N, C-alpha and C. Protein backbone atom coordinates (compact mmCIF):
# COMPACT_ATOMS: atom_id res chain seq x y z
N MET A 1 0.85 -1.17 0.00
CA MET A 1 0.00 0.00 0.00
C MET A 1 0.89 1.22 0.00
N GLY A 2 0.48 2.25 -0.70
CA GLY A 2 1.24 3.49 -0.75
C GLY A 2 0.34 4.67 -0.47
N VAL A 3 0.95 5.73 -0.03
CA VAL A 3 0.22 6.96 0.23
C VAL A 3 0.75 8.01 -0.72
N PHE A 4 -0.15 8.66 -1.44
CA PHE A 4 0.24 9.68 -2.39
C PHE A 4 -0.40 11.00 -2.00
N THR A 5 0.34 12.06 -2.13
CA THR A 5 -0.19 13.39 -1.88
C THR A 5 -0.08 14.18 -3.17
N TYR A 6 -1.14 14.85 -3.52
CA TYR A 6 -1.16 15.65 -4.74
C TYR A 6 -1.70 17.01 -4.38
N GLU A 7 -0.95 18.04 -4.72
CA GLU A 7 -1.38 19.40 -4.45
C GLU A 7 -1.24 20.19 -5.73
N SER A 8 -2.27 20.97 -6.05
CA SER A 8 -2.25 21.71 -7.29
C SER A 8 -2.91 23.06 -7.11
N GLU A 9 -2.36 24.06 -7.77
CA GLU A 9 -2.95 25.40 -7.74
C GLU A 9 -2.84 25.97 -9.14
N PHE A 10 -3.95 26.51 -9.64
CA PHE A 10 -3.93 27.09 -10.97
C PHE A 10 -4.99 28.18 -11.08
N ALA A 11 -4.81 29.06 -12.04
CA ALA A 11 -5.76 30.14 -12.28
C ALA A 11 -6.78 29.69 -13.32
N SER A 12 -8.02 30.15 -13.16
CA SER A 12 -9.08 29.77 -14.08
C SER A 12 -10.11 30.89 -14.16
N VAL A 13 -10.74 31.01 -15.32
CA VAL A 13 -11.82 31.99 -15.48
C VAL A 13 -13.14 31.43 -14.92
N ILE A 14 -13.17 30.14 -14.63
CA ILE A 14 -14.36 29.50 -14.06
C ILE A 14 -14.37 29.74 -12.56
N ALA A 15 -15.52 30.06 -12.02
CA ALA A 15 -15.67 30.37 -10.60
C ALA A 15 -15.29 29.17 -9.72
N PRO A 16 -14.64 29.42 -8.59
CA PRO A 16 -14.22 28.32 -7.69
C PRO A 16 -15.34 27.36 -7.29
N PRO A 17 -16.55 27.85 -6.95
CA PRO A 17 -17.60 26.88 -6.57
C PRO A 17 -17.94 25.90 -7.70
N ARG A 18 -17.93 26.39 -8.93
CA ARG A 18 -18.25 25.51 -10.07
C ARG A 18 -17.14 24.50 -10.32
N LEU A 19 -15.88 24.92 -10.22
CA LEU A 19 -14.75 24.00 -10.39
C LEU A 19 -14.73 22.95 -9.30
N PHE A 20 -14.94 23.37 -8.05
CA PHE A 20 -14.93 22.44 -6.93
C PHE A 20 -16.03 21.39 -7.09
N LYS A 21 -17.21 21.84 -7.49
CA LYS A 21 -18.33 20.92 -7.70
C LYS A 21 -17.99 19.89 -8.78
N ALA A 22 -17.41 20.35 -9.89
CA ALA A 22 -17.10 19.44 -11.00
C ALA A 22 -15.96 18.49 -10.67
N PHE A 23 -14.83 19.03 -10.19
CA PHE A 23 -13.64 18.21 -9.98
C PHE A 23 -13.64 17.40 -8.69
N VAL A 24 -14.44 17.80 -7.72
CA VAL A 24 -14.45 17.08 -6.44
C VAL A 24 -15.79 16.40 -6.19
N LEU A 25 -16.85 17.17 -6.13
CA LEU A 25 -18.14 16.62 -5.74
C LEU A 25 -18.76 15.73 -6.83
N ASP A 26 -18.58 16.06 -8.10
CA ASP A 26 -19.16 15.28 -9.20
C ASP A 26 -18.12 14.46 -9.95
N ALA A 27 -16.92 14.35 -9.43
CA ALA A 27 -15.81 13.68 -10.13
C ALA A 27 -16.12 12.22 -10.44
N ASP A 28 -16.83 11.53 -9.56
CA ASP A 28 -17.12 10.10 -9.78
C ASP A 28 -17.94 9.89 -11.06
N ASN A 29 -18.75 10.85 -11.43
CA ASN A 29 -19.54 10.75 -12.66
C ASN A 29 -18.84 11.42 -13.84
N LEU A 30 -18.16 12.53 -13.59
CA LEU A 30 -17.57 13.32 -14.66
C LEU A 30 -16.30 12.70 -15.26
N ILE A 31 -15.37 12.27 -14.43
CA ILE A 31 -14.07 11.78 -14.91
C ILE A 31 -14.22 10.56 -15.83
N PRO A 32 -15.04 9.55 -15.50
CA PRO A 32 -15.19 8.43 -16.43
C PRO A 32 -15.75 8.84 -17.80
N LYS A 33 -16.50 9.94 -17.84
CA LYS A 33 -17.06 10.41 -19.11
C LYS A 33 -16.03 11.16 -19.95
N ILE A 34 -15.18 11.95 -19.29
CA ILE A 34 -14.21 12.74 -20.06
C ILE A 34 -12.89 12.02 -20.27
N ALA A 35 -12.60 11.00 -19.47
CA ALA A 35 -11.36 10.24 -19.63
C ALA A 35 -11.61 8.75 -19.40
N PRO A 36 -12.46 8.12 -20.23
CA PRO A 36 -12.80 6.71 -20.02
C PRO A 36 -11.61 5.76 -20.17
N GLN A 37 -10.59 6.19 -20.89
CA GLN A 37 -9.40 5.35 -21.03
C GLN A 37 -8.60 5.30 -19.73
N ALA A 38 -8.77 6.29 -18.86
CA ALA A 38 -8.03 6.34 -17.60
C ALA A 38 -8.85 5.80 -16.43
N VAL A 39 -10.13 6.16 -16.36
CA VAL A 39 -10.99 5.76 -15.24
C VAL A 39 -12.28 5.19 -15.80
N LYS A 40 -12.54 3.92 -15.47
CA LYS A 40 -13.77 3.27 -15.93
C LYS A 40 -14.97 3.70 -15.09
N SER A 41 -14.80 3.64 -13.76
CA SER A 41 -15.90 3.97 -12.86
C SER A 41 -15.38 4.16 -11.44
N ALA A 42 -16.25 4.66 -10.59
CA ALA A 42 -15.94 4.83 -9.18
C ALA A 42 -17.16 4.42 -8.37
N GLU A 43 -16.91 3.78 -7.26
CA GLU A 43 -18.01 3.35 -6.40
C GLU A 43 -17.65 3.60 -4.94
N ILE A 44 -18.66 3.90 -4.15
CA ILE A 44 -18.44 4.07 -2.71
C ILE A 44 -18.49 2.69 -2.07
N VAL A 45 -17.41 2.34 -1.38
CA VAL A 45 -17.32 1.05 -0.70
C VAL A 45 -17.86 1.17 0.72
N GLU A 46 -17.58 2.31 1.34
CA GLU A 46 -17.98 2.52 2.73
C GLU A 46 -18.20 4.01 2.95
N GLY A 47 -19.30 4.37 3.61
CA GLY A 47 -19.56 5.76 3.93
C GLY A 47 -20.67 6.37 3.11
N ASP A 48 -20.84 7.69 3.30
CA ASP A 48 -21.93 8.41 2.65
C ASP A 48 -21.45 9.50 1.70
N GLY A 49 -20.17 9.51 1.39
CA GLY A 49 -19.62 10.52 0.51
C GLY A 49 -18.90 11.64 1.25
N GLY A 50 -19.03 11.65 2.56
CA GLY A 50 -18.37 12.66 3.38
C GLY A 50 -17.05 12.15 3.94
N VAL A 51 -16.58 12.81 4.99
CA VAL A 51 -15.33 12.42 5.63
C VAL A 51 -15.41 10.97 6.11
N GLY A 52 -14.35 10.22 5.84
CA GLY A 52 -14.29 8.81 6.22
C GLY A 52 -14.74 7.86 5.12
N THR A 53 -15.32 8.39 4.06
CA THR A 53 -15.78 7.55 2.95
C THR A 53 -14.60 6.91 2.23
N ILE A 54 -14.77 5.66 1.85
CA ILE A 54 -13.77 4.95 1.06
C ILE A 54 -14.38 4.65 -0.30
N LYS A 55 -13.65 5.06 -1.36
CA LYS A 55 -14.09 4.83 -2.73
C LYS A 55 -13.16 3.85 -3.43
N LYS A 56 -13.72 3.06 -4.32
CA LYS A 56 -12.94 2.16 -5.16
C LYS A 56 -13.04 2.69 -6.58
N ILE A 57 -11.89 3.08 -7.14
CA ILE A 57 -11.85 3.67 -8.47
C ILE A 57 -11.27 2.65 -9.43
N HIS A 58 -12.08 2.21 -10.40
CA HIS A 58 -11.67 1.21 -11.38
C HIS A 58 -10.96 1.92 -12.53
N LEU A 59 -9.72 1.52 -12.79
CA LEU A 59 -8.89 2.17 -13.80
C LEU A 59 -9.07 1.53 -15.16
N GLY A 60 -8.69 2.26 -16.20
CA GLY A 60 -8.85 1.82 -17.57
C GLY A 60 -7.88 0.74 -17.97
N GLU A 61 -8.13 0.17 -19.15
CA GLU A 61 -7.27 -0.86 -19.72
C GLU A 61 -5.86 -0.30 -19.91
N GLY A 62 -4.88 -1.15 -19.71
CA GLY A 62 -3.50 -0.73 -19.88
C GLY A 62 -2.88 -0.12 -18.65
N SER A 63 -3.68 0.10 -17.63
CA SER A 63 -3.13 0.63 -16.37
C SER A 63 -2.40 -0.48 -15.64
N GLU A 64 -1.42 -0.10 -14.87
CA GLU A 64 -0.66 -1.09 -14.09
C GLU A 64 -1.54 -1.78 -13.05
N TYR A 65 -2.54 -1.06 -12.56
CA TYR A 65 -3.46 -1.60 -11.54
C TYR A 65 -4.87 -1.61 -12.09
N SER A 66 -5.70 -2.49 -11.58
CA SER A 66 -7.09 -2.54 -12.04
C SER A 66 -7.97 -1.56 -11.26
N TYR A 67 -7.57 -1.25 -10.03
CA TYR A 67 -8.32 -0.29 -9.22
C TYR A 67 -7.43 0.30 -8.14
N VAL A 68 -7.89 1.40 -7.57
CA VAL A 68 -7.25 2.00 -6.40
C VAL A 68 -8.35 2.33 -5.41
N LYS A 69 -8.00 2.35 -4.14
CA LYS A 69 -8.94 2.76 -3.11
C LYS A 69 -8.54 4.14 -2.63
N HIS A 70 -9.54 4.95 -2.34
CA HIS A 70 -9.32 6.34 -1.96
C HIS A 70 -10.18 6.65 -0.74
N GLN A 71 -9.58 7.24 0.29
CA GLN A 71 -10.32 7.61 1.50
C GLN A 71 -10.38 9.12 1.61
N ILE A 72 -11.56 9.64 1.90
CA ILE A 72 -11.74 11.08 2.09
C ILE A 72 -11.44 11.40 3.55
N ASN A 73 -10.43 12.22 3.78
CA ASN A 73 -10.03 12.58 5.14
C ASN A 73 -10.52 13.95 5.56
N GLY A 74 -10.89 14.77 4.61
CA GLY A 74 -11.39 16.11 4.92
C GLY A 74 -12.19 16.66 3.77
N LEU A 75 -13.30 17.34 4.09
CA LEU A 75 -14.15 17.94 3.06
C LEU A 75 -14.81 19.18 3.63
N ASP A 76 -14.50 20.34 3.05
CA ASP A 76 -15.11 21.59 3.46
C ASP A 76 -15.60 22.28 2.19
N LYS A 77 -16.89 22.18 1.94
CA LYS A 77 -17.47 22.72 0.71
C LYS A 77 -17.44 24.24 0.68
N ASP A 78 -17.47 24.88 1.85
CA ASP A 78 -17.45 26.34 1.90
C ASP A 78 -16.08 26.93 1.59
N LYS A 79 -15.02 26.24 2.01
CA LYS A 79 -13.65 26.71 1.79
C LYS A 79 -12.98 26.00 0.62
N PHE A 80 -13.71 25.11 -0.04
CA PHE A 80 -13.20 24.35 -1.19
C PHE A 80 -11.97 23.53 -0.83
N VAL A 81 -12.06 22.77 0.26
CA VAL A 81 -10.95 21.94 0.73
C VAL A 81 -11.37 20.48 0.63
N TYR A 82 -10.48 19.67 0.07
CA TYR A 82 -10.72 18.23 -0.09
C TYR A 82 -9.42 17.50 0.21
N LYS A 83 -9.45 16.59 1.18
CA LYS A 83 -8.26 15.84 1.54
C LYS A 83 -8.58 14.36 1.47
């Protein structure tokens, strides 16, 4: 098992609430549609989508792994924070 940290900051003409909703809150539905070769699907294994939730993300063909598990450790929709 490995732990990965990813941090990114960029400028956009799209408002922060809309970006956060698309890339974080709706990512399970959006990413498989825009990048089906990378992500086939995502499912919640445990939890309700909030802090403590564990997701299983099924990766596309040709990936080294068939899936990865992801745990949500922090979520603040007002401050746009996702850990």
